[in-house]
């Protein structure tokens, strides 16, 4: 079976691939800016709650390291990807940025291990967000899905077994299995 691009003339195929690369490039830059902004904004509102609304224990200073990770990763991804080179280059930068951003998310589960029940939703949201903003190909989305599910699982195992925090769930929602089912649904939607 022929690939759909094989039916195009070489000029049209070249133009299509160039435009696809430009779209990926520009969407990755947008993804960096929005993902980094969301991470920092959500985190800052917890600091605001603690400082100005008198809600104790909503922010821990270890989270500042995660701010630095998210900020430096976002800035580096944006700057490195800024000049257009190729789709393959932008894909590589996107993969590295995804790892950095996911490490910052996983770091939240280590800073706030008592809230480990909600972190599956952070990972699923990050997967949905990345797949909605960047025009990944199907195989790339599958790799992204496996990566996020694996990151969630490793973070969960470390929090429960390495840090000794209970993996108790709600009556109908038990980690890690229901979390992996939820990640599977996010992957399917992606």
C-alpha atoms as a PDB file:
ATOM      1  CA  UNK A   1       0.000   0.000   0.000  1.00  0.00           C
ATOM      2  CA  UNK A   2       1.314   3.392  -1.003  1.00  0.00           C
ATOM      3  CA  UNK A   3       1.860   6.166   1.472  1.00  0.00           C
ATOM      4  CA  UNK A   4      -0.609   9.025   0.765  1.00  0.00           C
ATOM      5  CA  UNK A   5       2.264  11.448   0.134  1.00  0.00           C
ATOM      6  CA  UNK A   6       3.635   9.194  -2.608  1.00  0.00           C
ATOM      7  CA  UNK A   7       0.774  10.167  -4.919  1.00  0.00           C
ATOM      8  CA  UNK A   8       1.830  13.837  -4.824  1.00  0.00           C
ATOM      9  CA  UNK A   9       4.267  15.288  -7.298  1.00  0.00           C
ATOM     10  CA  UNK A  10       7.734  15.901  -5.862  1.00  0.00           C
ATOM     11  CA  UNK A  11       7.125  19.675  -5.747  1.00  0.00           C
ATOM     12  CA  UNK A  12       3.807  19.357  -3.891  1.00  0.00           C
ATOM     13  CA  UNK A  13       5.242  16.750  -1.544  1.00  0.00           C
ATOM     14  CA  UNK A  14       8.207  18.986  -0.745  1.00  0.00           C
ATOM     15  CA  UNK A  15       5.918  21.962  -0.113  1.00  0.00           C
ATOM     16  CA  UNK A  16       3.610  19.872   2.091  1.00  0.00           C
ATOM     17  CA  UNK A  17       6.494  18.542   4.191  1.00  0.00           C
ATOM     18  CA  UNK A  18       7.959  22.044   4.541  1.00  0.00           C
ATOM     19  CA  UNK A  19       4.617  23.467   5.713  1.00  0.00           C
ATOM     20  CA  UNK A  20       4.156  20.555   8.116  1.00  0.00           C
ATOM     21  CA  UNK A  21       7.602  21.275   9.557  1.00  0.00           C
ATOM     22  CA  UNK A  22       6.791  24.977   9.927  1.00  0.00           C
ATOM     23  CA  UNK A  23       3.514  24.142  11.684  1.00  0.00           C
ATOM     24  CA  UNK A  24       5.254  21.763  14.099  1.00  0.00           C
ATOM     25  CA  UNK A  25       7.935  24.385  14.752  1.00  0.00           C
ATOM     26  CA  UNK A  26       5.488  27.187  15.502  1.00  0.00           C
ATOM     27  CA  UNK A  27       3.177  25.004  17.582  1.00  0.00           C
ATOM     28  CA  UNK A  28       6.099  23.806  19.683  1.00  0.00           C
ATOM     29  CA  UNK A  29       7.048  27.392  20.460  1.00  0.00           C
ATOM     30  CA  UNK A  30       3.445  28.058  21.481  1.00  0.00           C
ATOM     31  CA  UNK A  31       3.429  24.884  23.582  1.00  0.00           C
ATOM     32  CA  UNK A  32       6.587  25.986  25.428  1.00  0.00           C
ATOM     33  CA  UNK A  33       5.133  29.365  26.271  1.00  0.00           C
ATOM     34  CA  UNK A  34       1.717  28.082  27.354  1.00  0.00           C
ATOM     35  CA  UNK A  35       2.908  24.985  29.256  1.00  0.00           C
ATOM     36  CA  UNK A  36       5.578  26.911  31.136  1.00  0.00           C
ATOM     37  CA  UNK A  37       3.122  29.712  31.928  1.00  0.00           C
ATOM     38  CA  UNK A  38       0.446  27.307  33.182  1.00  0.00           C
ATOM     39  CA  UNK A  39       2.930  25.443  35.374  1.00  0.00           C
ATOM     40  CA  UNK A  40       4.271  28.618  36.963  1.00  0.00           C
ATOM     41  CA  UNK A  41       0.855  30.285  37.305  1.00  0.00           C
ATOM     42  CA  UNK A  42      -0.772  27.307  39.000  1.00  0.00           C
ATOM     43  CA  UNK A  43       2.197  26.951  41.309  1.00  0.00           C
ATOM     44  CA  UNK A  44       2.257  30.668  42.137  1.00  0.00           C
ATOM     45  CA  UNK A  45      -1.394  30.667  43.128  1.00  0.00           C
ATOM     46  CA  UNK A  46      -0.555  28.173  45.878  1.00  0.00           C
ATOM     47  CA  UNK A  47       2.195  30.510  47.099  1.00  0.00           C
ATOM     48  CA  UNK A  48      -0.311  33.378  46.972  1.00  0.00           C
ATOM     49  CA  UNK A  49      -2.793  31.336  49.015  1.00  0.00           C
ATOM     50  CA  UNK A  50      -0.209  30.692  51.680  1.00  0.00           C
ATOM     51  CA  UNK A  51       1.145  34.242  51.865  1.00  0.00           C
ATOM     52  CA  UNK A  52      -2.005  36.319  51.471  1.00  0.00           C
ATOM     53  CA  UNK A  53      -4.998  34.112  52.239  1.00  0.00           C
ATOM     54  CA  UNK A  54      -3.612  32.421  55.304  1.00  0.00           C
ATOM     55  CA  UNK A  55      -3.907  28.882  53.945  1.00  0.00           C
ATOM     56  CA  UNK A  56      -0.928  27.089  55.489  1.00  0.00           C
ATOM     57  CA  UNK A  57       0.858  24.156  53.923  1.00  0.00           C
ATOM     58  CA  UNK A  58      -0.209  24.929  50.355  1.00  0.00           C
ATOM     59  CA  UNK A  59       3.325  25.781  49.220  1.00  0.00           C
ATOM     60  CA  UNK A  60       6.705  24.254  50.068  1.00  0.00           C
ATOM     61  CA  UNK A  61       9.988  25.953  49.258  1.00  0.00           C
ATOM     62  CA  UNK A  62      11.278  22.821  47.469  1.00  0.00           C
ATOM     63  CA  UNK A  63       8.843  23.752  44.730  1.00  0.00           C
ATOM     64  CA  UNK A  64      11.102  26.681  43.813  1.00  0.00           C
ATOM     65  CA  UNK A  65      13.519  24.167  42.294  1.00  0.00           C
ATOM     66  CA  UNK A  66      10.682  22.919  40.116  1.00  0.00           C
ATOM     67  CA  UNK A  67       9.925  26.509  39.083  1.00  0.00           C
ATOM     68  CA  UNK A  68      13.549  26.845  38.020  1.00  0.00           C
ATOM     69  CA  UNK A  69      13.392  23.557  36.124  1.00  0.00           C
ATOM     70  CA  UNK A  70      10.183  24.546  34.329  1.00  0.00           C
ATOM     71  CA  UNK A  71      11.392  28.075  33.589  1.00  0.00           C
ATOM     72  CA  UNK A  72      14.852  27.080  32.361  1.00  0.00           C
ATOM     73  CA  UNK A  73      13.437  24.171  30.325  1.00  0.00           C
ATOM     74  CA  UNK A  74      10.786  26.399  28.755  1.00  0.00           C
ATOM     75  CA  UNK A  75      13.220  29.202  27.969  1.00  0.00           C
ATOM     76  CA  UNK A  76      15.815  26.788  26.582  1.00  0.00           C
ATOM     77  CA  UNK A  77      13.250  24.936  24.460  1.00  0.00           C
ATOM     78  CA  UNK A  78      11.892  28.173  23.076  1.00  0.00           C
ATOM     79  CA  UNK A  79      15.318  29.675  22.350  1.00  0.00           C
ATOM     80  CA  UNK A  80      16.821  26.525  20.835  1.00  0.00           C
ATOM     81  CA  UNK A  81      13.788  25.939  18.627  1.00  0.00           C
ATOM     82  CA  UNK A  82      13.360  29.623  17.700  1.00  0.00           C
ATOM     83  CA  UNK A  83      15.311  29.552  14.426  1.00  0.00           C
ATOM     84  CA  UNK A  84      13.577  27.181  12.042  1.00  0.00           C
ATOM     85  CA  UNK A  85      15.742  24.241  10.989  1.00  0.00           C
ATOM     86  CA  UNK A  86      13.626  21.179  10.270  1.00  0.00           C
ATOM     87  CA  UNK A  87      10.766  19.111  11.652  1.00  0.00           C
ATOM     88  CA  UNK A  88      13.206  16.503  12.893  1.00  0.00           C
ATOM     89  CA  UNK A  89      15.127  19.130  14.860  1.00  0.00           C
ATOM     90  CA  UNK A  90      11.924  20.568  16.353  1.00  0.00           C
ATOM     91  CA  UNK A  91      10.782  17.034  17.179  1.00  0.00           C
ATOM     92  CA  UNK A  92      14.033  16.422  19.068  1.00  0.00           C
ATOM     93  CA  UNK A  93      13.672  19.681  20.976  1.00  0.00           C
ATOM     94  CA  UNK A  94      10.039  18.817  21.755  1.00  0.00           C
ATOM     95  CA  UNK A  95      11.081  15.402  23.073  1.00  0.00           C
ATOM     96  CA  UNK A  96      13.734  16.914  25.360  1.00  0.00           C
ATOM     97  CA  UNK A  97      11.315  19.593  26.560  1.00  0.00           C
ATOM     98  CA  UNK A  98       8.658  16.970  27.273  1.00  0.00           C
ATOM     99  CA  UNK A  99      11.124  15.072  29.464  1.00  0.00           C
ATOM    100  CA  UNK A 100      12.093  18.267  31.345  1.00  0.00           C
ATOM    101  CA  UNK A 101       8.475  19.335  31.815  1.00  0.00           C
ATOM    102  CA  UNK A 102       7.488  15.844  32.968  1.00  0.00           C
ATOM    103  CA  UNK A 103      10.356  15.831  35.469  1.00  0.00           C
ATOM    104  CA  UNK A 104       8.952  19.065  36.916  1.00  0.00           C
ATOM    105  CA  UNK A 105       5.496  17.445  37.149  1.00  0.00           C
ATOM    106  CA  UNK A 106       6.945  14.355  38.782  1.00  0.00           C
ATOM    107  CA  UNK A 107       8.834  16.612  41.168  1.00  0.00           C
ATOM    108  CA  UNK A 108       5.515  17.982  42.389  1.00  0.00           C
ATOM    109  CA  UNK A 109       4.482  14.485  43.416  1.00  0.00           C
ATOM    110  CA  UNK A 110       7.722  14.169  45.424  1.00  0.00           C
ATOM    111  CA  UNK A 111       7.265  17.562  47.109  1.00  0.00           C
ATOM    112  CA  UNK A 112       3.591  16.864  47.907  1.00  0.00           C
ATOM    113  CA  UNK A 113       3.460  13.057  48.258  1.00  0.00           C
ATOM    114  CA  UNK A 114       0.331  13.179  50.419  1.00  0.00           C
ATOM    115  CA  UNK A 115      -1.565  14.396  47.328  1.00  0.00           C
ATOM    116  CA  UNK A 116      -0.464  11.511  45.094  1.00  0.00           C
ATOM    117  CA  UNK A 117      -4.051  10.698  44.171  1.00  0.00           C
ATOM    118  CA  UNK A 118      -4.401  13.805  41.992  1.00  0.00           C
ATOM    119  CA  UNK A 119      -1.099  13.593  40.137  1.00  0.00           C
ATOM    120  CA  UNK A 120      -2.421  11.139  37.561  1.00  0.00           C
ATOM    121  CA  UNK A 121      -4.652  13.990  36.405  1.00  0.00           C
ATOM    122  CA  UNK A 122      -1.626  16.280  36.018  1.00  0.00           C
ATOM    123  CA  UNK A 123       0.112  13.718  33.817  1.00  0.00           C
ATOM    124  CA  UNK A 124      -3.042  13.042  31.787  1.00  0.00           C
ATOM    125  CA  UNK A 125      -3.681  16.759  31.327  1.00  0.00           C
ATOM    126  CA  UNK A 126      -0.075  17.274  30.209  1.00  0.00           C
ATOM    127  CA  UNK A 127      -0.472  14.469  27.645  1.00  0.00           C
ATOM    128  CA  UNK A 128      -3.752  15.891  26.330  1.00  0.00           C
ATOM    129  CA  UNK A 129      -2.343  19.397  26.236  1.00  0.00           C
ATOM    130  CA  UNK A 130       0.815  18.372  24.374  1.00  0.00           C
ATOM    131  CA  UNK A 131      -1.095  16.277  21.861  1.00  0.00           C
ATOM    132  CA  UNK A 132      -3.649  19.035  21.230  1.00  0.00           C
ATOM    133  CA  UNK A 133      -1.112  21.791  20.640  1.00  0.00           C
ATOM    134  CA  UNK A 134       1.580  20.003  18.670  1.00  0.00           C
ATOM    135  CA  UNK A 135       0.770  18.146  15.421  1.00  0.00           C
ATOM    136  CA  UNK A 136       2.453  14.864  16.326  1.00  0.00           C
ATOM    137  CA  UNK A 137       2.208  11.901  14.002  1.00  0.00           C
ATOM    138  CA  UNK A 138       0.389   8.805  15.249  1.00  0.00           C
ATOM    139  CA  UNK A 139       3.536   6.898  16.210  1.00  0.00           C
ATOM    140  CA  UNK A 140       4.837   9.948  18.065  1.00  0.00           C
ATOM    141  CA  UNK A 141       1.576  10.259  20.033  1.00  0.00           C
ATOM    142  CA  UNK A 142       1.828   6.588  20.976  1.00  0.00           C
ATOM    143  CA  UNK A 143       5.402   7.119  22.218  1.00  0.00           C
ATOM    144  CA  UNK A 144       4.269  10.221  24.103  1.00  0.00           C
ATOM    145  CA  UNK A 145       1.426   8.240  25.696  1.00  0.00           C
ATOM    146  CA  UNK A 146       3.745   5.448  26.806  1.00  0.00           C
ATOM    147  CA  UNK A 147       6.187   8.021  28.167  1.00  0.00           C
ATOM    148  CA  UNK A 148       3.550   9.836  30.252  1.00  0.00           C
ATOM    149  CA  UNK A 149       2.053   6.579  31.547  1.00  0.00           C
ATOM    150  CA  UNK A 150       5.536   5.376  32.467  1.00  0.00           C
ATOM    151  CA  UNK A 151       6.372   8.681  34.166  1.00  0.00           C
ATOM    152  CA  UNK A 152       3.162   8.515  36.196  1.00  0.00           C
ATOM    153  CA  UNK A 153       3.856   4.898  37.176  1.00  0.00           C
ATOM    154  CA  UNK A 154       7.458   5.595  38.220  1.00  0.00           C
ATOM    155  CA  UNK A 155       6.418   8.656  40.235  1.00  0.00           C
ATOM    156  CA  UNK A 156       3.637   6.683  41.909  1.00  0.00           C
ATOM    157  CA  UNK A 157       5.889   3.734  42.758  1.00  0.00           C
ATOM    158  CA  UNK A 158       8.545   6.038  44.186  1.00  0.00           C
ATOM    159  CA  UNK A 159       6.039   7.997  46.314  1.00  0.00           C
ATOM    160  CA  UNK A 160       4.346   4.856  47.667  1.00  0.00           C
ATOM    161  CA  UNK A 161       7.314   2.512  48.038  1.00  0.00           C
ATOM    162  CA  UNK A 162      10.317   4.841  48.173  1.00  0.00           C
ATOM    163  CA  UNK A 163       8.820   7.600  50.307  1.00  0.00           C
ATOM    164  CA  UNK A 164       6.343   5.419  52.196  1.00  0.00           C
ATOM    165  CA  UNK A 165       3.161   7.355  51.462  1.00  0.00           C
ATOM    166  CA  UNK A 166      -0.039   5.379  51.240  1.00  0.00           C
ATOM    167  CA  UNK A 167      -1.477   4.689  47.847  1.00  0.00           C
ATOM    168  CA  UNK A 168      -5.020   4.759  49.197  1.00  0.00           C
ATOM    169  CA  UNK A 169      -7.632   5.937  46.780  1.00  0.00           C
ATOM    170  CA  UNK A 170     -11.258   6.801  46.764  1.00  0.00           C
ATOM    171  CA  UNK A 171     -13.812   3.976  46.991  1.00  0.00           C
ATOM    172  CA  UNK A 172     -14.084   3.719  43.193  1.00  0.00           C
ATOM    173  CA  UNK A 173     -10.661   5.093  42.230  1.00  0.00           C
ATOM    174  CA  UNK A 174      -7.569   3.142  43.216  1.00  0.00           C
ATOM    175  CA  UNK A 175      -4.072   3.916  42.105  1.00  0.00           C
ATOM    176  CA  UNK A 176      -2.119   2.792  40.173  1.00  0.00           C
ATOM    177  CA  UNK A 177      -4.523   0.689  38.113  1.00  0.00           C
ATOM    178  CA  UNK A 178      -7.324   3.220  37.769  1.00  0.00           C
ATOM    179  CA  UNK A 179      -4.685   5.844  37.114  1.00  0.00           C
ATOM    180  CA  UNK A 180      -3.306   3.792  34.230  1.00  0.00           C
ATOM    181  CA  UNK A 181      -6.833   3.316  32.888  1.00  0.00           C
ATOM    182  CA  UNK A 182      -7.275   7.087  33.055  1.00  0.00           C
ATOM    183  CA  UNK A 183      -3.934   7.565  31.257  1.00  0.00           C
ATOM    184  CA  UNK A 184      -5.132   5.054  28.627  1.00  0.00           C
ATOM    185  CA  UNK A 185      -8.270   7.111  28.052  1.00  0.00           C
ATOM    186  CA  UNK A 186      -6.172  10.272  27.718  1.00  0.00           C
ATOM    187  CA  UNK A 187      -3.946   8.427  25.247  1.00  0.00           C
ATOM    188  CA  UNK A 188      -6.953   7.299  23.221  1.00  0.00           C
ATOM    189  CA  UNK A 189      -8.286  10.865  23.098  1.00  0.00           C
ATOM    190  CA  UNK A 190      -4.838  12.081  22.071  1.00  0.00           C
END
